[in-house]
Protein backbone atom coordinates (compact mmCIF):
# COMPACT_ATOMS: atom_id res chain seq x y z
CA MET A 1 52.29 -25.02 13.76
CA ILE A 2 48.79 -24.03 14.86
CA MET A 3 45.66 -24.45 12.76
CA LEU A 4 42.83 -21.92 12.35
CA SER A 5 40.39 -24.37 13.93
CA GLU A 6 42.58 -24.47 17.06
CA LEU A 7 42.64 -20.66 17.21
CA GLN A 8 38.86 -20.49 16.79
CA ALA A 9 38.39 -22.63 19.91
CA LYS A 10 40.29 -20.12 22.08
CA GLU A 11 38.59 -17.10 23.64
CA VAL A 12 40.20 -13.69 23.04
CA ILE A 13 40.60 -11.60 26.20
CA ILE A 14 42.02 -8.11 26.78
CA VAL A 15 44.97 -8.58 29.13
CA ASN A 16 44.63 -5.25 31.02
CA SER A 17 40.90 -5.33 31.79
CA GLY A 18 40.02 -9.02 31.50
CA ARG A 19 37.20 -8.12 29.09
CA ARG A 20 36.15 -11.03 26.88
CA LEU A 21 36.05 -10.13 23.21
CA GLY A 22 34.84 -13.43 21.80
CA HIS A 23 36.18 -16.07 19.44
CA ILE A 24 38.02 -15.79 16.14
CA VAL A 25 35.82 -16.14 13.07
CA ASP A 26 38.32 -15.23 10.36
CA LEU A 27 41.82 -13.99 9.58
CA GLU A 28 43.06 -11.08 7.49
CA ILE A 29 46.07 -12.20 5.48
CA ASP A 30 48.42 -10.08 3.37
CA PRO A 31 48.10 -11.55 -0.13
CA ILE A 32 51.65 -10.59 -1.06
CA THR A 33 53.59 -11.87 1.98
CA GLY A 34 51.12 -14.49 3.18
CA LYS A 35 51.46 -13.19 6.76
CA ILE A 36 48.52 -12.75 9.12
CA ILE A 37 47.67 -9.06 9.51
CA ALA A 38 44.77 -9.38 11.94
CA ILE A 39 42.34 -11.76 13.57
CA ILE A 40 38.65 -11.03 13.11
CA LEU A 41 36.15 -11.53 15.93
CA LEU A 42 32.41 -11.05 16.22
CA ALA A 43 31.73 -8.40 18.85
CA LYS A 44 30.00 -9.62 22.00
CA THR A 45 27.08 -7.21 22.33
CA SER A 46 23.72 -7.52 24.01
CA THR A 47 21.96 -5.37 21.42
CA GLY A 48 20.47 -6.55 18.20
CA GLY A 49 17.52 -8.61 17.18
CA LEU A 50 16.89 -11.65 15.11
CA PHE A 51 18.21 -10.13 11.87
CA HIS A 52 20.95 -7.97 13.40
CA LYS A 53 24.39 -8.58 11.88
CA PRO A 54 27.08 -8.70 14.57
CA GLU A 55 29.86 -6.13 14.34
CA GLU A 56 33.34 -7.38 13.45
CA VAL A 57 36.31 -6.49 15.62
CA LEU A 58 39.81 -6.47 14.15
CA VAL A 59 42.68 -7.31 16.46
CA TYR A 60 45.99 -6.70 14.73
CA TRP A 61 48.64 -9.39 15.03
CA GLU A 62 50.95 -6.99 16.88
CA GLN A 63 48.33 -6.65 19.64
CA ILE A 64 48.55 -10.33 20.57
CA VAL A 65 50.46 -10.72 23.83
CA THR A 66 50.35 -14.51 24.07
CA ILE A 67 48.46 -17.51 22.73
CA GLY A 68 47.76 -19.90 25.57
CA THR A 69 46.14 -23.32 25.71
CA ASP A 70 42.61 -21.91 26.28
CA VAL A 71 42.83 -18.16 25.60
CA ILE A 72 44.49 -15.52 23.46
CA LEU A 73 45.55 -12.44 25.44
CA VAL A 74 45.62 -9.14 23.55
CA THR A 75 46.19 -5.46 24.28
CA ASP A 76 43.13 -3.22 24.16
CA THR A 77 41.53 -2.97 20.70
CA TYR A 78 41.22 0.80 21.16
CA GLU A 79 45.01 1.07 21.36
CA GLN A 80 45.67 -0.24 17.87
CA PRO A 81 49.31 0.28 16.90
CA TYR A 82 48.50 1.23 13.31
CA VAL A 83 45.90 0.81 10.63
CA VAL A 84 46.89 -1.44 7.75
CA ASP A 85 45.65 -0.34 4.35
CA SER A 86 44.64 -3.28 2.22
CA PRO A 87 47.11 -3.73 -0.60
CA SER A 88 45.63 -3.01 -3.99
CA VAL A 89 45.03 -6.11 -6.04
CA GLN A 90 46.07 -5.77 -9.68
């Protein structure tokens, strides 16, 4: 079993280009199944000022190639396999 704090310590990198996406800040979890749908990262951008809110990047669980000791390798975020609609909460 791996804990969220352990995942947050790993850097997320696109396997094809080597581009560094950043670190995990949160998870998106399906409330019905309890499975992880996506990992949420803060985008590494050079723009923005003191009060600029960083953009969030969603990496769907299916995009994860491997979780190593120091990094998480993923396929490109622009090649997302599908978009998951949030289940309606009743």
